Amino acid sequence: MDTGTTSNMIILTKTHIYCANAGDSRSCISNKGVAKGLSEDHKPGNPIEIARIKKANHFVEDDRVDGNLALSRAFGDF
């Protein structure tokens, strides 16, 4: 069975907001009712992700890694 998951985390300090994600889990923050995104999806069609995938000797086909995976970063089986 193919399984996997995405993740997202935020660390708040008195002076900083740190956000990290893998996959398409998203974080946002609201300031006076206006949402601002803190993370970006890791999709295979993203130019930065395409370069990373090719460097790892894989390919993107139909917006999927090796024609199969819909996300370019995640945790789980491959």
PDB file of N, CA and C in Angstrom:
ATOM      1  N   MET A   1       0.835  -1.162   0.000  1.00  0.00           N
ATOM      2  CA  MET A   1       0.000   0.000   0.000  1.00  0.00           C
ATOM      3  C   MET A   1       0.895   1.245   0.000  1.00  0.00           C
ATOM      4  N   ASP A   2       0.555   2.229  -0.827  1.00  0.00           N
ATOM      5  CA  ASP A   2       1.256   3.506  -0.833  1.00  0.00           C
ATOM      6  C   ASP A   2       0.619   4.415   0.203  1.00  0.00           C
ATOM      7  N   THR A   3       1.418   4.894   1.127  1.00  0.00           N
ATOM      8  CA  THR A   3       0.901   5.796   2.146  1.00  0.00           C
ATOM      9  C   THR A   3       1.836   6.980   2.293  1.00  0.00           C
ATOM     10  N   GLY A   4       1.358   8.013   2.895  1.00  0.00           N
ATOM     11  CA  GLY A   4       2.185   9.176   3.144  1.00  0.00           C
ATOM     12  C   GLY A   4       1.370  10.270   3.794  1.00  0.00           C
ATOM     13  N   THR A   5       2.051  11.302   4.213  1.00  0.00           N
ATOM     14  CA  THR A   5       1.366  12.418   4.852  1.00  0.00           C
ATOM     15  C   THR A   5       2.144  13.704   4.616  1.00  0.00           C
ATOM     16  N   THR A   6       1.483  14.810   4.835  1.00  0.00           N
ATOM     17  CA  THR A   6       2.120  16.118   4.769  1.00  0.00           C
ATOM     18  C   THR A   6       2.223  16.661   6.188  1.00  0.00           C
ATOM     19  N   SER A   7       2.935  17.765   6.341  1.00  0.00           N
ATOM     20  CA  SER A   7       3.064  18.325   7.681  1.00  0.00           C
ATOM     21  C   SER A   7       3.199  19.836   7.620  1.00  0.00           C
ATOM     22  N   ASN A   8       2.961  20.446   8.769  1.00  0.00           N
ATOM     23  CA  ASN A   8       3.089  21.889   8.883  1.00  0.00           C
ATOM     24  C   ASN A   8       3.323  22.203  10.347  1.00  0.00           C
ATOM     25  N   MET A   9       4.230  23.122  10.618  1.00  0.00           N
ATOM     26  CA  MET A   9       4.467  23.523  12.003  1.00  0.00           C
ATOM     27  C   MET A   9       4.779  25.006  12.070  1.00  0.00           C
ATOM     28  N   ILE A  10       4.437  25.590  13.190  1.00  0.00           N
ATOM     29  CA  ILE A  10       4.732  27.004  13.428  1.00  0.00           C
ATOM     30  C   ILE A  10       5.310  27.140  14.828  1.00  0.00           C
ATOM     31  N   ILE A  11       6.348  27.946  14.935  1.00  0.00           N
ATOM     32  CA  ILE A  11       6.918  28.293  16.230  1.00  0.00           C
ATOM     33  C   ILE A  11       6.809  29.804  16.369  1.00  0.00           C
ATOM     34  N   LEU A  12       6.204  30.224  17.460  1.00  0.00           N
ATOM     35  CA  LEU A  12       6.054  31.655  17.748  1.00  0.00           C
ATOM     36  C   LEU A  12       6.990  32.032  18.886  1.00  0.00           C
ATOM     37  N   THR A  13       7.743  33.097  18.690  1.00  0.00           N
ATOM     38  CA  THR A  13       8.533  33.665  19.773  1.00  0.00           C
ATOM     39  C   THR A  13       8.041  35.092  19.991  1.00  0.00           C
ATOM     40  N   LYS A  14       8.644  35.792  20.899  1.00  0.00           N
ATOM     41  CA  LYS A  14       8.238  37.181  21.137  1.00  0.00           C
ATOM     42  C   LYS A  14       8.532  38.070  19.931  1.00  0.00           C
ATOM     43  N   THR A  15       9.497  37.668  19.097  1.00  0.00           N
ATOM     44  CA  THR A  15       9.915  38.526  17.987  1.00  0.00           C
ATOM     45  C   THR A  15       9.786  37.910  16.600  1.00  0.00           C
ATOM     46  N   HIS A  16       9.563  36.591  16.514  1.00  0.00           N
ATOM     47  CA  HIS A  16       9.562  35.930  15.208  1.00  0.00           C
ATOM     48  C   HIS A  16       8.434  34.912  15.086  1.00  0.00           C
ATOM     49  N   ILE A  17       8.083  34.639  13.843  1.00  0.00           N
ATOM     50  CA  ILE A  17       7.176  33.549  13.494  1.00  0.00           C
ATOM     51  C   ILE A  17       7.946  32.646  12.534  1.00  0.00           C
ATOM     52  N   TYR A  18       8.144  31.394  12.917  1.00  0.00           N
ATOM     53  CA  TYR A  18       8.824  30.420  12.069  1.00  0.00           C
ATOM     54  C   TYR A  18       7.785  29.437  11.556  1.00  0.00           C
ATOM     55  N   CYS A  19       7.814  29.155  10.266  1.00  0.00           N
ATOM     56  CA  CYS A  19       6.866  28.222   9.666  1.00  0.00           C
ATOM     57  C   CYS A  19       7.626  27.261   8.766  1.00  0.00           C
ATOM     58  N   ALA A  20       7.311  25.989   8.877  1.00  0.00           N
ATOM     59  CA  ALA A  20       7.915  24.971   8.014  1.00  0.00           C
ATOM     60  C   ALA A  20       6.814  24.016   7.567  1.00  0.00           C
ATOM     61  N   ASN A  21       6.922  23.557   6.323  1.00  0.00           N
ATOM     62  CA  ASN A  21       5.921  22.608   5.839  1.00  0.00           C
ATOM     63  C   ASN A  21       6.543  21.646   4.845  1.00  0.00           C
ATOM     64  N   ALA A  22       5.879  20.529   4.681  1.00  0.00           N
ATOM     65  CA  ALA A  22       6.228  19.546   3.653  1.00  0.00           C
ATOM     66  C   ALA A  22       4.915  19.105   3.021  1.00  0.00           C
ATOM     67  N   GLY A  23       4.826  19.247   1.714  1.00  0.00           N
ATOM     68  CA  GLY A  23       3.603  18.856   1.018  1.00  0.00           C
ATOM     69  C   GLY A  23       2.667  20.017   0.804  1.00  0.00           C
ATOM     70  N   ASP A  24       1.376  19.781   0.963  1.00  0.00           N
ATOM     71  CA  ASP A  24       0.408  20.847   0.712  1.00  0.00           C
ATOM     72  C   ASP A  24      -0.403  21.212   1.948  1.00  0.00           C
ATOM     73  N   SER A  25       0.154  20.959   3.129  1.00  0.00           N
ATOM     74  CA  SER A  25      -0.450  21.486   4.351  1.00  0.00           C
ATOM     75  C   SER A  25      -0.116  22.963   4.419  1.00  0.00           C
ATOM     76  N   ARG A  26      -1.079  23.780   4.780  1.00  0.00           N
ATOM     77  CA  ARG A  26      -0.889  25.228   4.725  1.00  0.00           C
ATOM     78  C   ARG A  26      -1.069  25.882   6.081  1.00  0.00           C
ATOM     79  N   SER A  27      -0.351  26.999   6.258  1.00  0.00           N
ATOM     80  CA  SER A  27      -0.516  27.849   7.442  1.00  0.00           C
ATOM     81  C   SER A  27      -0.794  29.263   6.992  1.00  0.00           C
ATOM     82  N   CYS A  28      -1.583  29.952   7.795  1.00  0.00           N
ATOM     83  CA  CYS A  28      -1.814  31.369   7.545  1.00  0.00           C
ATOM     84  C   CYS A  28      -1.942  32.070   8.890  1.00  0.00           C
ATOM     85  N   ILE A  29      -1.831  33.370   8.855  1.00  0.00           N
ATOM     86  CA  ILE A  29      -1.990  34.188  10.048  1.00  0.00           C
ATOM     87  C   ILE A  29      -2.970  35.299   9.695  1.00  0.00           C
ATOM     88  N   SER A  30      -3.701  35.739  10.683  1.00  0.00           N
ATOM     89  CA  SER A  30      -4.662  36.812  10.459  1.00  0.00           C
ATOM     90  C   SER A  30      -4.201  38.072  11.181  1.00  0.00           C
ATOM     91  N   ASN A  31      -4.249  39.168  10.480  1.00  0.00           N
ATOM     92  CA  ASN A  31      -3.930  40.466  11.056  1.00  0.00           C
ATOM     93  C   ASN A  31      -5.117  41.388  10.793  1.00  0.00           C
ATOM     94  N   LYS A  32      -5.856  41.712  11.834  1.00  0.00           N
ATOM     95  CA  LYS A  32      -7.043  42.558  11.714  1.00  0.00           C
ATOM     96  C   LYS A  32      -8.042  41.985  10.704  1.00  0.00           C
ATOM     97  N   GLY A  33      -8.193  40.662  10.727  1.00  0.00           N
ATOM     98  CA  GLY A  33      -9.158  40.001   9.869  1.00  0.00           C
ATOM     99  C   GLY A  33      -8.685  39.722   8.453  1.00  0.00           C
ATOM    100  N   VAL A  34      -7.437  40.070   8.135  1.00  0.00           N
ATOM    101  CA  VAL A  34      -6.892  39.815   6.804  1.00  0.00           C
ATOM    102  C   VAL A  34      -5.895  38.657   6.895  1.00  0.00           C
ATOM    103  N   ALA A  35      -6.157  37.589   6.138  1.00  0.00           N
ATOM    104  CA  ALA A  35      -5.291  36.413   6.174  1.00  0.00           C
ATOM    105  C   ALA A  35      -4.059  36.614   5.303  1.00  0.00           C
ATOM    106  N   LYS A  36      -2.920  36.141   5.801  1.00  0.00           N
ATOM    107  CA  LYS A  36      -1.669  36.159   5.047  1.00  0.00           C
ATOM    108  C   LYS A  36      -1.079  34.757   5.103  1.00  0.00           C
ATOM    109  N   GLY A  37      -0.781  34.195   3.928  1.00  0.00           N
ATOM    110  CA  GLY A  37      -0.199  32.862   3.863  1.00  0.00           C
ATOM    111  C   GLY A  37       1.221  32.844   4.402  1.00  0.00           C
ATOM    112  N   LEU A  38       1.555  31.793   5.136  1.00  0.00           N
ATOM    113  CA  LEU A  38       2.904  31.630   5.678  1.00  0.00           C
ATOM    114  C   LEU A  38       3.660  30.489   5.008  1.00  0.00           C
ATOM    115  N   SER A  39       2.979  29.655   4.259  1.00  0.00           N
ATOM    116  CA  SER A  39       3.626  28.493   3.645  1.00  0.00           C
ATOM    117  C   SER A  39       3.220  28.388   2.174  1.00  0.00           C
ATOM    118  N   GLU A  40       3.988  27.616   1.437  1.00  0.00           N
ATOM    119  CA  GLU A  40       3.686  27.354   0.029  1.00  0.00           C
ATOM    120  C   GLU A  40       3.629  25.855  -0.201  1.00  0.00           C
ATOM    121  N   ASP A  41       2.727  25.434  -1.072  1.00  0.00           N
ATOM    122  CA  ASP A  41       2.610  24.011  -1.407  1.00  0.00           C
ATOM    123  C   ASP A  41       3.861  23.531  -2.131  1.00  0.00           C
ATOM    124  N   HIS A  42       4.218  22.279  -1.880  1.00  0.00           N
ATOM    125  CA  HIS A  42       5.307  21.636  -2.615  1.00  0.00           C
ATOM    126  C   HIS A  42       4.691  20.788  -3.730  1.00  0.00           C
ATOM    127  N   LYS A  43       4.425  21.447  -4.840  1.00  0.00           N
ATOM    128  CA  LYS A  43       3.814  20.784  -5.991  1.00  0.00           C
ATOM    129  C   LYS A  43       4.881  20.520  -7.044  1.00  0.00           C
ATOM    130  N   PRO A  44       4.801  19.398  -7.744  1.00  0.00           N
ATOM    131  CA  PRO A  44       5.803  19.062  -8.743  1.00  0.00           C
ATOM    132  C   PRO A  44       5.933  20.066  -9.884  1.00  0.00           C
ATOM    133  N   GLY A  45       4.895  20.855 -10.176  1.00  0.00           N
ATOM    134  CA  GLY A  45       4.965  21.819 -11.271  1.00  0.00           C
ATOM    135  C   GLY A  45       5.684  23.109 -10.927  1.00  0.00           C
ATOM    136  N   ASN A  46       6.010  23.314  -9.653  1.00  0.00           N
ATOM    137  CA  ASN A  46       6.731  24.506  -9.212  1.00  0.00           C
ATOM    138  C   ASN A  46       8.163  24.460  -9.769  1.00  0.00           C
ATOM    139  N   PRO A  47       8.637  25.538 -10.424  1.00  0.00           N
ATOM    140  CA  PRO A  47       9.979  25.517 -11.041  1.00  0.00           C
ATOM    141  C   PRO A  47      11.107  25.128 -10.079  1.00  0.00           C
ATOM    142  N   ILE A  48      11.045  25.575  -8.837  1.00  0.00           N
ATOM    143  CA  ILE A  48      12.089  25.206  -7.869  1.00  0.00           C
ATOM    144  C   ILE A  48      12.027  23.708  -7.582  1.00  0.00           C
ATOM    145  N   GLU A  49      10.826  23.172  -7.467  1.00  0.00           N
ATOM    146  CA  GLU A  49      10.671  21.736  -7.204  1.00  0.00           C
ATOM    147  C   GLU A  49      11.090  20.907  -8.416  1.00  0.00           C
ATOM    148  N   ILE A  50      10.783  21.373  -9.625  1.00  0.00           N
ATOM    149  CA  ILE A  50      11.209  20.657 -10.837  1.00  0.00           C
ATOM    150  C   ILE A  50      12.725  20.521 -10.852  1.00  0.00           C
ATOM    151  N   ALA A  51      13.429  21.616 -10.552  1.00  0.00           N
ATOM    152  CA  ALA A  51      14.897  21.579 -10.545  1.00  0.00           C
ATOM    153  C   ALA A  51      15.414  20.588  -9.510  1.00  0.00           C
ATOM    154  N   ARG A  52      14.809  20.578  -8.322  1.00  0.00           N
ATOM    155  CA  ARG A  52      15.237  19.657  -7.264  1.00  0.00           C
ATOM    156  C   ARG A  52      14.975  18.201  -7.646  1.00  0.00           C
ATOM    157  N   ILE A  53      13.825  17.963  -8.258  1.00  0.00           N
ATOM    158  CA  ILE A  53      13.459  16.609  -8.685  1.00  0.00           C
ATOM    159  C   ILE A  53      14.416  16.110  -9.760  1.00  0.00           C
ATOM    160  N   LYS A  54      14.713  16.948 -10.743  1.00  0.00           N
ATOM    161  CA  LYS A  54      15.642  16.556 -11.813  1.00  0.00           C
ATOM    162  C   LYS A  54      17.040  16.304 -11.263  1.00  0.00           C
ATOM    163  N   LYS A  55      17.467  17.120 -10.308  1.00  0.00           N
ATOM    164  CA  LYS A  55      18.791  16.942  -9.700  1.00  0.00           C
ATOM    165  C   LYS A  55      18.878  15.588  -8.991  1.00  0.00           C
ATOM    166  N   ALA A  56      17.746  15.087  -8.513  1.00  0.00           N
ATOM    167  CA  ALA A  56      17.691  13.783  -7.847  1.00  0.00           C
ATOM    168  C   ALA A  56      17.478  12.645  -8.852  1.00  0.00           C
ATOM    169  N   ASN A  57      17.655  12.940 -10.146  1.00  0.00           N
ATOM    170  CA  ASN A  57      17.529  11.946 -11.226  1.00  0.00           C
ATOM    171  C   ASN A  57      16.112  11.373 -11.362  1.00  0.00           C
ATOM    172  N   HIS A  58      15.113  12.232 -11.125  1.00  0.00           N
ATOM    173  CA  HIS A  58      13.720  11.851 -11.340  1.00  0.00           C
ATOM    174  C   HIS A  58      13.110  12.828 -12.333  1.00  0.00           C
ATOM    175  N   PHE A  59      11.823  12.711 -12.618  1.00  0.00           N
ATOM    176  CA  PHE A  59      11.198  13.559 -13.627  1.00  0.00           C
ATOM    177  C   PHE A  59       9.787  13.937 -13.206  1.00  0.00           C
ATOM    178  N   VAL A  60       9.261  14.964 -13.860  1.00  0.00           N
ATOM    179  CA  VAL A  60       7.882  15.397 -13.641  1.00  0.00           C
ATOM    180  C   VAL A  60       7.105  15.150 -14.922  1.00  0.00           C
ATOM    181  N   GLU A  61       5.994  14.431 -14.788  1.00  0.00           N
ATOM    182  CA  GLU A  61       5.114  14.140 -15.923  1.00  0.00           C
ATOM    183  C   GLU A  61       3.679  14.316 -15.456  1.00  0.00           C
ATOM    184  N   ASP A  62       2.899  15.083 -16.205  1.00  0.00           N
ATOM    185  CA  ASP A  62       1.507  15.359 -15.846  1.00  0.00           C
ATOM    186  C   ASP A  62       1.401  15.943 -14.429  1.00  0.00           C
ATOM    187  N   ASP A  63       2.332  16.849 -14.092  1.00  0.00           N
ATOM    188  CA  ASP A  63       2.382  17.485 -12.765  1.00  0.00           C
ATOM    189  C   ASP A  63       2.523  16.477 -11.626  1.00  0.00           C
ATOM    190  N   ARG A  64       3.180  15.361 -11.902  1.00  0.00           N
ATOM    191  CA  ARG A  64       3.418  14.347 -10.874  1.00  0.00           C
ATOM    192  C   ARG A  64       4.872  13.893 -10.932  1.00  0.00           C
ATOM    193  N   VAL A  65       5.439  13.634  -9.763  1.00  0.00           N
ATOM    194  CA  VAL A  65       6.813  13.131  -9.693  1.00  0.00           C
ATOM    195  C   VAL A  65       6.824  11.712 -10.242  1.00  0.00           C
ATOM    196  N   ASP A  66       7.695  11.480 -11.213  1.00  0.00           N
ATOM    197  CA  ASP A  66       7.799  10.182 -11.892  1.00  0.00           C
ATOM    198  C   ASP A  66       6.440   9.709 -12.416  1.00  0.00           C
ATOM    199  N   GLY A  67       5.571  10.678 -12.731  1.00  0.00           N
ATOM    200  CA  GLY A  67       4.253  10.355 -13.264  1.00  0.00           C
ATOM    201  C   GLY A  67       3.308   9.753 -12.256  1.00  0.00           C
ATOM    202  N   ASN A  68       3.671   9.772 -10.949  1.00  0.00           N
ATOM    203  CA  ASN A  68       2.869   9.089  -9.936  1.00  0.00           C
ATOM    204  C   ASN A  68       2.499   9.978  -8.754  1.00  0.00           C
ATOM    205  N   LEU A  69       3.471  10.580  -8.109  1.00  0.00           N
ATOM    206  CA  LEU A  69       3.227  11.312  -6.862  1.00  0.00           C
ATOM    207  C   LEU A  69       2.733  12.729  -7.121  1.00  0.00           C
ATOM    208  N   ALA A  70       1.640  13.115  -6.469  1.00  0.00           N
ATOM    209  CA  ALA A  70       1.037  14.437  -6.684  1.00  0.00           C
ATOM    210  C   ALA A  70       1.762  15.526  -5.897  1.00  0.00           C
ATOM    211  N   LEU A  71       2.601  15.166  -4.927  1.00  0.00           N
ATOM    212  CA  LEU A  71       3.361  16.133  -4.152  1.00  0.00           C
ATOM    213  C   LEU A  71       4.852  15.866  -4.323  1.00  0.00           C
ATOM    214  N   SER A  72       5.637  16.916  -4.282  1.00  0.00           N
ATOM    215  CA  SER A  72       7.081  16.731  -4.445  1.00  0.00           C
ATOM    216  C   SER A  72       7.804  16.585  -3.114  1.00  0.00           C
ATOM    217  N   ARG A  73       7.105  16.847  -2.010  1.00  0.00           N
ATOM    218  CA  ARG A  73       7.676  16.625  -0.677  1.00  0.00           C
ATOM    219  C   ARG A  73       6.566  16.118   0.223  1.00  0.00           C
ATOM    220  N   ALA A  74       6.877  15.066   0.976  1.00  0.00           N
ATOM    221  CA  ALA A  74       5.935  14.482   1.930  1.00  0.00           C
ATOM    222  C   ALA A  74       6.698  13.455   2.746  1.00  0.00           C
ATOM    223  N   PHE A  75       6.038  12.912   3.752  1.00  0.00           N
ATOM    224  CA  PHE A  75       6.602  11.833   4.546  1.00  0.00           C
ATOM    225  C   PHE A  75       5.851  10.561   4.196  1.00  0.00           C
ATOM    226  N   GLY A  76       6.563   9.451   4.091  1.00  0.00           N
ATOM    227  CA  GLY A  76       5.865   8.185   3.878  1.00  0.00           C
ATOM    228  C   GLY A  76       6.564   7.303   2.875  1.00  0.00           C
ATOM    229  N   ASP A  77       5.847   6.313   2.428  1.00  0.00           N
ATOM    230  CA  ASP A  77       6.382   5.309   1.513  1.00  0.00           C
ATOM    231  C   ASP A  77       6.431   5.832   0.087  1.00  0.00           C
ATOM    232  N   PHE A  78       7.332   5.292  -0.677  1.00  0.00           N
ATOM    233  CA  PHE A  78       7.403   5.567  -2.118  1.00  0.00           C
ATOM    234  C   PHE A  78       7.622   4.271  -2.843  1.00  0.00           C
TER     235      PHE A  78
END
